[in-house]
PDB file of all heavy atoms in Angstrom:
ATOM      1  N   GLN A   1     -16.649  -6.787  58.025  1.00  0.00           N
ATOM      2  CA  GLN A   1     -17.281  -5.560  57.247  1.00  0.00           C
ATOM      3  C   GLN A   1     -16.167  -5.187  56.262  1.00  0.00           C
ATOM      4  O   GLN A   1     -15.002  -5.205  56.432  1.00  0.00           O
ATOM      5  CB  GLN A   1     -17.452  -4.450  58.280  1.00  0.00           C
ATOM      6  CG  GLN A   1     -18.540  -4.699  59.189  1.00  0.00           C
ATOM      7  CD  GLN A   1     -19.943  -4.661  58.719  1.00  0.00           C
ATOM      8  OE1 GLN A   1     -20.140  -3.987  57.701  1.00  0.00           O
ATOM      9  NE2 GLN A   1     -20.777  -5.593  59.192  1.00  0.00           N
ATOM     10  N   VAL A   2     -16.853  -4.661  55.116  1.00  0.00           N
ATOM     11  CA  VAL A   2     -15.991  -4.081  53.969  1.00  0.00           C
ATOM     12  C   VAL A   2     -16.502  -2.726  53.756  1.00  0.00           C
ATOM     13  O   VAL A   2     -17.771  -2.480  53.643  1.00  0.00           O
ATOM     14  CB  VAL A   2     -16.131  -4.966  52.703  1.00  0.00           C
ATOM     15  CG1 VAL A   2     -15.406  -4.353  51.624  1.00  0.00           C
ATOM     16  CG2 VAL A   2     -15.539  -6.333  53.043  1.00  0.00           C
ATOM     17  N   GLN A   3     -15.513  -1.790  53.626  1.00  0.00           N
ATOM     18  CA  GLN A   3     -15.966  -0.395  53.291  1.00  0.00           C
ATOM     19  C   GLN A   3     -15.433  -0.188  51.757  1.00  0.00           C
ATOM     20  O   GLN A   3     -14.445  -0.605  51.514  1.00  0.00           O
ATOM     21  CB  GLN A   3     -15.420   0.556  54.167  1.00  0.00           C
ATOM     22  CG  GLN A   3     -15.952   0.467  55.599  1.00  0.00           C
ATOM     23  CD  GLN A   3     -15.260  -0.740  56.367  1.00  0.00           C
ATOM     24  OE1 GLN A   3     -13.981  -0.769  56.423  1.00  0.00           O
ATOM     25  NE2 GLN A   3     -16.070  -1.320  57.284  1.00  0.00           N
ATOM     26  N   LEU A   4     -16.414   0.490  51.060  1.00  0.00           N
ATOM     27  CA  LEU A   4     -16.010   0.932  49.697  1.00  0.00           C
ATOM     28  C   LEU A   4     -16.295   2.401  49.460  1.00  0.00           C
ATOM     29  O   LEU A   4     -17.164   2.940  49.846  1.00  0.00           O
ATOM     30  CB  LEU A   4     -16.916   0.063  48.819  1.00  0.00           C
ATOM     31  CG  LEU A   4     -16.906  -1.442  48.938  1.00  0.00           C
ATOM     32  CD1 LEU A   4     -17.961  -2.045  48.030  1.00  0.00           C
ATOM     33  CD2 LEU A   4     -15.585  -2.026  48.663  1.00  0.00           C
ATOM     34  N   VAL A   5     -15.256   2.916  48.725  1.00  0.00           N
ATOM     35  CA  VAL A   5     -15.356   4.377  48.500  1.00  0.00           C
ATOM     36  C   VAL A   5     -15.082   4.494  46.951  1.00  0.00           C
ATOM     37  O   VAL A   5     -13.978   4.160  46.538  1.00  0.00           O
ATOM     38  CB  VAL A   5     -14.394   5.232  49.321  1.00  0.00           C
ATOM     39  CG1 VAL A   5     -14.577   6.708  48.882  1.00  0.00           C
ATOM     40  CG2 VAL A   5     -14.708   5.103  50.827  1.00  0.00           C
ATOM     41  N   GLU A   6     -15.954   5.092  46.291  1.00  0.00           N
ATOM     42  CA  GLU A   6     -15.832   5.390  44.771  1.00  0.00           C
ATOM     43  C   GLU A   6     -15.335   6.700  44.677  1.00  0.00           C
ATOM     44  O   GLU A   6     -15.512   7.654  45.421  1.00  0.00           O
ATOM     45  CB  GLU A   6     -17.134   5.150  44.037  1.00  0.00           C
ATOM     46  CG  GLU A   6     -17.794   3.849  44.041  1.00  0.00           C
ATOM     47  CD  GLU A   6     -18.942   3.736  45.088  1.00  0.00           C
ATOM     48  OE1 GLU A   6     -18.856   4.652  46.010  1.00  0.00           O
ATOM     49  OE2 GLU A   6     -19.883   3.064  45.022  1.00  0.00           O
ATOM     50  N   SER A   7     -14.666   6.934  43.501  1.00  0.00           N
ATOM     51  CA  SER A   7     -14.255   8.346  43.110  1.00  0.00           C
ATOM     52  C   SER A   7     -14.056   8.352  41.699  1.00  0.00           C
ATOM     53  O   SER A   7     -13.963   7.198  40.930  1.00  0.00           O
ATOM     54  CB  SER A   7     -12.977   8.724  43.854  1.00  0.00           C
ATOM     55  OG  SER A   7     -11.856   7.831  43.479  1.00  0.00           O
ATOM     56  N   GLY A   8     -13.896   9.580  41.120  1.00  0.00           N
ATOM     57  CA  GLY A   8     -13.572   9.581  39.725  1.00  0.00           C
ATOM     58  C   GLY A   8     -14.675  10.081  38.762  1.00  0.00           C
ATOM     59  O   GLY A   8     -14.525  10.265  37.588  1.00  0.00           O
ATOM     60  N   GLY A   9     -15.882  10.163  39.375  1.00  0.00           N
ATOM     61  CA  GLY A   9     -16.992  10.704  38.495  1.00  0.00           C
ATOM     62  C   GLY A   9     -16.868  12.124  38.138  1.00  0.00           C
ATOM     63  O   GLY A   9     -15.997  12.841  38.562  1.00  0.00           O
ATOM     64  N   GLY A  10     -17.616  12.535  37.130  1.00  0.00           N
ATOM     65  CA  GLY A  10     -17.733  13.982  36.794  1.00  0.00           C
ATOM     66  C   GLY A  10     -18.447  14.139  35.659  1.00  0.00           C
ATOM     67  O   GLY A  10     -19.292  13.388  35.161  1.00  0.00           O
ATOM     68  N   LEU A  11     -18.268  15.340  34.945  1.00  0.00           N
ATOM     69  CA  LEU A  11     -18.928  15.760  33.741  1.00  0.00           C
ATOM     70  C   LEU A  11     -18.130  15.598  32.602  1.00  0.00           C
ATOM     71  O   LEU A  11     -16.909  15.976  32.639  1.00  0.00           O
ATOM     72  CB  LEU A  11     -19.454  17.175  33.965  1.00  0.00           C
ATOM     73  CG  LEU A  11     -20.054  17.797  32.674  1.00  0.00           C
ATOM     74  CD1 LEU A  11     -21.428  17.016  32.280  1.00  0.00           C
ATOM     75  CD2 LEU A  11     -20.243  19.324  32.907  1.00  0.00           C
ATOM     76  N   VAL A  12     -18.403  14.943  31.622  1.00  0.00           N
ATOM     77  CA  VAL A  12     -17.621  14.618  30.486  1.00  0.00           C
ATOM     78  C   VAL A  12     -18.489  14.784  29.179  1.00  0.00           C
ATOM     79  O   VAL A  12     -19.683  14.607  29.188  1.00  0.00           O
ATOM     80  CB  VAL A  12     -17.016  13.209  30.456  1.00  0.00           C
ATOM     81  CG1 VAL A  12     -17.979  12.089  30.458  1.00  0.00           C
ATOM     82  CG2 VAL A  12     -15.957  13.073  29.382  1.00  0.00           C
ATOM     83  N   GLN A  13     -17.930  15.148  28.141  1.00  0.00           N
ATOM     84  CA  GLN A  13     -18.665  15.320  26.740  1.00  0.00           C
ATOM     85  C   GLN A  13     -18.760  13.887  26.223  1.00  0.00           C
ATOM     86  O   GLN A  13     -18.026  12.934  26.430  1.00  0.00           O
ATOM     87  CB  GLN A  13     -17.958  16.284  25.829  1.00  0.00           C
ATOM     88  CG  GLN A  13     -18.149  17.617  26.188  1.00  0.00           C
ATOM     89  CD  GLN A  13     -17.629  18.537  25.088  1.00  0.00           C
ATOM     90  OE1 GLN A  13     -16.731  18.216  24.404  1.00  0.00           O
ATOM     91  NE2 GLN A  13     -18.273  19.707  24.961  1.00  0.00           N
ATOM     92  N   ALA A  14     -19.840  13.711  25.431  1.00  0.00           N
ATOM     93  CA  ALA A  14     -19.960  12.540  24.613  1.00  0.00           C
ATOM     94  C   ALA A  14     -18.713  12.160  23.750  1.00  0.00           C
ATOM     95  O   ALA A  14     -18.160  13.092  23.257  1.00  0.00           O
ATOM     96  CB  ALA A  14     -21.235  12.631  23.783  1.00  0.00           C
ATOM     97  N   GLY A  15     -18.297  10.828  23.903  1.00  0.00           N
ATOM     98  CA  GLY A  15     -17.089  10.435  23.140  1.00  0.00           C
ATOM     99  C   GLY A  15     -15.881  10.465  24.056  1.00  0.00           C
ATOM    100  O   GLY A  15     -14.857   9.879  23.788  1.00  0.00           O
ATOM    101  N   GLY A  16     -16.122  11.095  25.233  1.00  0.00           N
ATOM    102  CA  GLY A  16     -14.868  11.137  26.192  1.00  0.00           C
ATOM    103  C   GLY A  16     -14.750   9.930  26.996  1.00  0.00           C
ATOM    104  O   GLY A  16     -15.387   9.016  26.874  1.00  0.00           O
ATOM    105  N   SER A  17     -13.868   9.912  27.978  1.00  0.00           N
ATOM    106  CA  SER A  17     -13.490   8.968  28.779  1.00  0.00           C
ATOM    107  C   SER A  17     -13.489   9.328  30.250  1.00  0.00           C
ATOM    108  O   SER A  17     -13.130  10.540  30.582  1.00  0.00           O
ATOM    109  CB  SER A  17     -12.111   8.255  28.383  1.00  0.00           C
ATOM    110  OG  SER A  17     -12.192   7.807  27.092  1.00  0.00           O
ATOM    111  N   LEU A  18     -13.673   8.301  31.138  1.00  0.00           N
ATOM    112  CA  LEU A  18     -13.540   8.503  32.584  1.00  0.00           C
ATOM    113  C   LEU A  18     -13.043   7.164  33.112  1.00  0.00           C
ATOM    114  O   LEU A  18     -13.296   6.138  32.613  1.00  0.00           O
ATOM    115  CB  LEU A  18     -14.759   8.999  33.204  1.00  0.00           C
ATOM    116  CG  LEU A  18     -15.265  10.497  33.222  1.00  0.00           C
ATOM    117  CD1 LEU A  18     -16.674  10.440  33.877  1.00  0.00           C
ATOM    118  CD2 LEU A  18     -14.312  11.228  33.945  1.00  0.00           C
ATOM    119  N   ARG A  19     -12.289   7.404  34.299  1.00  0.00           N
ATOM    120  CA  ARG A  19     -11.843   6.088  34.982  1.00  0.00           C
ATOM    121  C   ARG A  19     -12.446   6.417  36.465  1.00  0.00           C
ATOM    122  O   ARG A  19     -11.985   7.264  37.094  1.00  0.00           O
ATOM    123  CB  ARG A  19     -10.464   6.048  34.954  1.00  0.00           C
ATOM    124  CG  ARG A  19     -10.014   4.597  35.665  1.00  0.00           C
ATOM    125  CD  ARG A  19      -8.548   4.244  35.500  1.00  0.00           C
ATOM    126  NE  ARG A  19      -7.825   4.776  36.645  1.00  0.00           N
ATOM    127  CZ  ARG A  19      -6.857   4.228  37.257  1.00  0.00           C
ATOM    128  NH1 ARG A  19      -6.292   3.226  36.702  1.00  0.00           N
ATOM    129  NH2 ARG A  19      -6.128   4.847  38.187  1.00  0.00           N
ATOM    130  N   LEU A  20     -13.188   5.402  36.756  1.00  0.00           N
ATOM    131  CA  LEU A  20     -13.788   5.431  38.154  1.00  0.00           C
ATOM    132  C   LEU A  20     -12.817   4.447  39.090  1.00  0.00           C
ATOM    133  O   LEU A  20     -12.331   3.484  38.505  1.00  0.00           O
ATOM    134  CB  LEU A  20     -15.190   4.922  38.252  1.00  0.00           C
ATOM    135  CG  LEU A  20     -16.212   5.631  37.361  1.00  0.00           C
ATOM    136  CD1 LEU A  20     -17.505   5.096  37.593  1.00  0.00           C
ATOM    137  CD2 LEU A  20     -16.079   7.114  37.559  1.00  0.00           C
ATOM    138  N   SER A  21     -12.742   4.833  40.322  1.00  0.00           N
ATOM    139  CA  SER A  21     -11.963   4.007  41.208  1.00  0.00           C
ATOM    140  C   SER A  21     -12.856   3.621  42.294  1.00  0.00           C
ATOM    141  O   SER A  21     -13.791   4.342  42.815  1.00  0.00           O
ATOM    142  CB  SER A  21     -10.779   4.811  41.708  1.00  0.00           C
ATOM    143  OG  SER A  21      -9.880   5.199  40.621  1.00  0.00           O
ATOM    144  N   CYS A  22     -12.549   2.460  42.870  1.00  0.00           N
ATOM    145  CA  CYS A  22     -13.199   2.048  44.022  1.00  0.00           C
ATOM    146  C   CYS A  22     -12.160   1.488  45.016  1.00  0.00           C
ATOM    147  O   CYS A  22     -11.444   0.470  44.789  1.00  0.00           O
ATOM    148  CB  CYS A  22     -14.203   0.902  43.794  1.00  0.00           C
ATOM    149  SG  CYS A  22     -15.046   0.231  45.199  1.00  0.00           S
ATOM    150  N   ASP A  23     -12.030   2.165  46.228  1.00  0.00           N
ATOM    151  CA  ASP A  23     -11.057   1.736  47.188  1.00  0.00           C
ATOM    152  C   ASP A  23     -11.782   0.922  48.324  1.00  0.00           C
ATOM    153  O   ASP A  23     -12.780   1.278  48.846  1.00  0.00           O
ATOM    154  CB  ASP A  23     -10.452   2.942  47.806  1.00  0.00           C
ATOM    155  CG  ASP A  23      -9.587   3.565  46.880  1.00  0.00           C
ATOM    156  OD1 ASP A  23      -8.826   2.977  46.160  1.00  0.00           O
ATOM    157  OD2 ASP A  23      -9.701   4.856  46.752  1.00  0.00           O
ATOM    158  N   ALA A  24     -11.234  -0.297  48.546  1.00  0.00           N
ATOM    159  CA  ALA A  24     -11.762  -1.253  49.519  1.00  0.00           C
ATOM    160  C   ALA A  24     -10.939  -1.163  50.767  1.00  0.00           C
ATOM    161  O   ALA A  24      -9.772  -1.197  50.663  1.00  0.00           O
ATOM    162  CB  ALA A  24     -12.032  -2.616  48.965  1.00  0.00           C
ATOM    163  N   SER A  25     -11.643  -1.341  51.913  1.00  0.00           N
ATOM    164  CA  SER A  25     -10.956  -1.446  53.172  1.00  0.00           C
ATOM    165  C   SER A  25     -11.746  -2.400  54.030  1.00  0.00           C
ATOM    166  O   SER A  25     -12.856  -2.748  53.841  1.00  0.00           O
ATOM    167  CB  SER A  25     -10.654  -0.095  53.845  1.00  0.00           C
ATOM    168  OG  SER A  25     -11.895   0.577  54.124  1.00  0.00           O
ATOM    169  N   GLY A  26     -11.118  -2.670  55.206  1.00  0.00           N
ATOM    170  CA  GLY A  26     -11.786  -3.521  56.207  1.00  0.00           C
ATOM    171  C   GLY A  26     -11.385  -5.079  55.810  1.00  0.00           C
ATOM    172  O   GLY A  26     -10.231  -5.300  55.524  1.00  0.00           O
ATOM    173  N   ARG A  27     -12.324  -5.920  55.998  1.00  0.00           N
ATOM    174  CA  ARG A  27     -12.100  -7.257  55.744  1.00  0.00           C
ATOM    175  C   ARG A  27     -12.007  -7.580  54.259  1.00  0.00           C
ATOM    176  O   ARG A  27     -12.801  -8.417  53.695  1.00  0.00           O
ATOM    177  CB  ARG A  27     -13.169  -8.155  56.386  1.00  0.00           C
ATOM    178  CG  ARG A  27     -13.023  -8.233  57.892  1.00  0.00           C
ATOM    179  CD  ARG A  27     -13.899  -9.238  58.482  1.00  0.00           C
ATOM    180  NE  ARG A  27     -13.448 -10.663  57.948  1.00  0.00           N
ATOM    181  CZ  ARG A  27     -14.220 -11.765  57.993  1.00  0.00           C
ATOM    182  NH1 ARG A  27     -15.441 -11.615  58.362  1.00  0.00           N
ATOM    183  NH2 ARG A  27     -13.867 -12.909  57.457  1.00  0.00           N
ATOM    184  N   THR A  28     -10.967  -7.138  53.612  1.00  0.00           N
ATOM    185  CA  THR A  28     -10.978  -7.304  52.178  1.00  0.00           C
ATOM    186  C   THR A  28     -10.569  -8.758  51.686  1.00  0.00           C
ATOM    187  O   THR A  28     -10.956  -9.101  50.571  1.00  0.00           O
ATOM    188  CB  THR A  28      -9.904  -6.441  51.505  1.00  0.00           C
ATOM    189  OG1 THR A  28      -8.653  -6.643  52.078  1.00  0.00           O
ATOM    190  CG2 THR A  28     -10.332  -4.832  51.639  1.00  0.00           C
ATOM    191  N   SER A  29     -10.108  -9.556  52.641  1.00  0.00           N
ATOM    192  CA  SER A  29      -9.812 -10.915  52.442  1.00  0.00           C
ATOM    193  C   SER A  29     -11.007 -11.750  52.072  1.00  0.00           C
ATOM    194  O   SER A  29     -11.000 -12.803  51.608  1.00  0.00           O
ATOM    195  CB  SER A  29      -9.038 -11.516  53.578  1.00  0.00           C
ATOM    196  OG  SER A  29      -9.730 -11.471  54.770  1.00  0.00           O
ATOM    197  N   SER A  30     -12.139 -11.265  52.649  1.00  0.00           N
ATOM    198  CA  SER A  30     -13.451 -11.916  52.456  1.00  0.00           C
ATOM    199  C   SER A  30     -14.158 -11.667  50.963  1.00  0.00           C
ATOM    200  O   SER A  30     -15.094 -12.361  50.706  1.00  0.00           O
ATOM    201  CB  SER A  30     -14.410 -11.438  53.543  1.00  0.00           C
ATOM    202  OG  SER A  30     -14.755 -10.202  53.430  1.00  0.00           O
ATOM    203  N   ILE A  31     -13.519 -10.742  50.265  1.00  0.00           N
ATOM    204  CA  ILE A  31     -14.144 -10.433  49.131  1.00  0.00           C
ATOM    205  C   ILE A  31     -13.967 -11.375  48.049  1.00  0.00           C
ATOM    206  O   ILE A  31     -12.751 -11.940  47.791  1.00  0.00           O
ATOM    207  CB  ILE A  31     -13.651  -9.001  48.504  1.00  0.00           C
ATOM    208  CG1 ILE A  31     -13.929  -7.837  49.502  1.00  0.00           C
ATOM    209  CG2 ILE A  31     -14.139  -8.750  47.045  1.00  0.00           C
ATOM    210  CD1 ILE A  31     -13.287  -6.512  49.144  1.00  0.00           C
ATOM    211  N   GLU A  32     -14.987 -11.812  47.336  1.00  0.00           N
ATOM    212  CA  GLU A  32     -14.780 -12.764  46.100  1.00  0.00           C
ATOM    213  C   GLU A  32     -14.884 -12.030  44.845  1.00  0.00           C
ATOM    214  O   GLU A  32     -14.201 -12.325  43.869  1.00  0.00           O
ATOM    215  CB  GLU A  32     -15.861 -13.949  46.341  1.00  0.00           C
ATOM    216  CG  GLU A  32     -15.823 -14.804  47.545  1.00  0.00           C
ATOM    217  CD  GLU A  32     -14.474 -15.610  47.294  1.00  0.00           C
ATOM    218  OE1 GLU A  32     -14.231 -16.137  46.218  1.00  0.00           O
ATOM    219  OE2 GLU A  32     -13.850 -16.006  48.297  1.00  0.00           O
ATOM    220  N   VAL A  33     -15.879 -11.158  44.795  1.00  0.00           N
ATOM    221  CA  VAL A  33     -16.118 -10.407  43.476  1.00  0.00           C
ATOM    222  C   VAL A  33     -16.490  -8.984  43.851  1.00  0.00           C
ATOM    223  O   VAL A  33     -17.257  -8.697  44.702  1.00  0.00           O
ATOM    224  CB  VAL A  33     -17.286 -11.151  42.724  1.00  0.00           C
ATOM    225  CG1 VAL A  33     -17.722 -10.228  41.528  1.00  0.00           C
ATOM    226  CG2 VAL A  33     -16.940 -12.490  42.234  1.00  0.00           C
ATOM    227  N   MET A  34     -15.872  -8.100  43.004  1.00  0.00           N
ATOM    228  CA  MET A  34     -16.282  -6.673  43.000  1.00  0.00           C
ATOM    229  C   MET A  34     -17.070  -6.401  41.785  1.00  0.00           C
ATOM    230  O   MET A  34     -16.739  -6.683  40.667  1.00  0.00           O
ATOM    231  CB  MET A  34     -14.986  -5.828  43.018  1.00  0.00           C
ATOM    232  CG  MET A  34     -14.179  -5.948  44.383  1.00  0.00           C
ATOM    233  SD  MET A  34     -15.154  -5.173  45.653  1.00  0.00           S
ATOM    234  CE  MET A  34     -14.985  -3.506  45.125  1.00  0.00           C
ATOM    235  N   GLY A  35     -18.225  -5.783  41.958  1.00  0.00           N
ATOM    236  CA  GLY A  35     -19.078  -5.379  40.885  1.00  0.00           C
ATOM    237  C   GLY A  35     -19.195  -3.881  40.660  1.00  0.00           C
ATOM    238  O   GLY A  35     -18.901  -3.152  41.709  1.00  0.00           O
ATOM    239  N   TRP A  36     -19.535  -3.524  39.459  1.00  0.00           N
ATOM    240  CA  TRP A  36     -19.893  -2.172  39.265  1.00  0.00           C
ATOM    241  C   TRP A  36     -21.339  -2.191  38.773  1.00  0.00           C
ATOM    242  O   TRP A  36     -21.677  -2.941  37.899  1.00  0.00           O
ATOM    243  CB  TRP A  36     -19.089  -1.527  38.242  1.00  0.00           C
ATOM    244  CG  TRP A  36     -17.633  -1.050  38.588  1.00  0.00           C
ATOM    245  CD1 TRP A  36     -16.559  -1.927  38.497  1.00  0.00           C
ATOM    246  CD2 TRP A  36     -17.262   0.047  39.300  1.00  0.00           C
ATOM    247  NE1 TRP A  36     -15.472  -1.127  38.995  1.00  0.00           N
ATOM    248  CE2 TRP A  36     -15.974   0.043  39.488  1.00  0.00           C
ATOM    249  CE3 TRP A  36     -18.027   1.176  39.680  1.00  0.00           C
ATOM    250  CZ2 TRP A  36     -15.315   1.044  40.140  1.00  0.00           C
ATOM    251  CZ3 TRP A  36     -17.365   2.169  40.391  1.00  0.00           C
ATOM    252  CH2 TRP A  36     -15.874   2.195  40.541  1.00  0.00           C
ATOM    253  N   PHE A  37     -22.151  -1.258  39.263  1.00  0.00           N
ATOM    254  CA  PHE A  37     -23.475  -1.097  39.013  1.00  0.00           C
ATOM    255  C   PHE A  37     -23.670   0.383  38.654  1.00  0.00           C
ATOM    256  O   PHE A  37     -22.924   1.284  38.997  1.00  0.00           O
ATOM    257  CB  PHE A  37     -24.432  -1.506  40.087  1.00  0.00           C
ATOM    258  CG  PHE A  37     -24.518  -2.962  40.341  1.00  0.00           C
ATOM    259  CD1 PHE A  37     -23.560  -3.738  40.894  1.00  0.00           C
ATOM    260  CD2 PHE A  37     -25.602  -3.755  39.934  1.00  0.00           C
ATOM    261  CE1 PHE A  37     -23.554  -5.080  41.201  1.00  0.00           C
ATOM    262  CE2 PHE A  37     -25.688  -5.079  39.991  1.00  0.00           C
ATOM    263  CZ  PHE A  37     -24.610  -5.760  40.624  1.00  0.00           C
TER     264      PHE A  37
END
């Protein structure tokens, strides 16, 4: 099993920037690809 937790979202004005994070735990050795949707 792999657990994923995103963070970093919020409200921003057009033209601004944000950085989202995704922390993985569990059987991370089994991960081949991480995707963002």
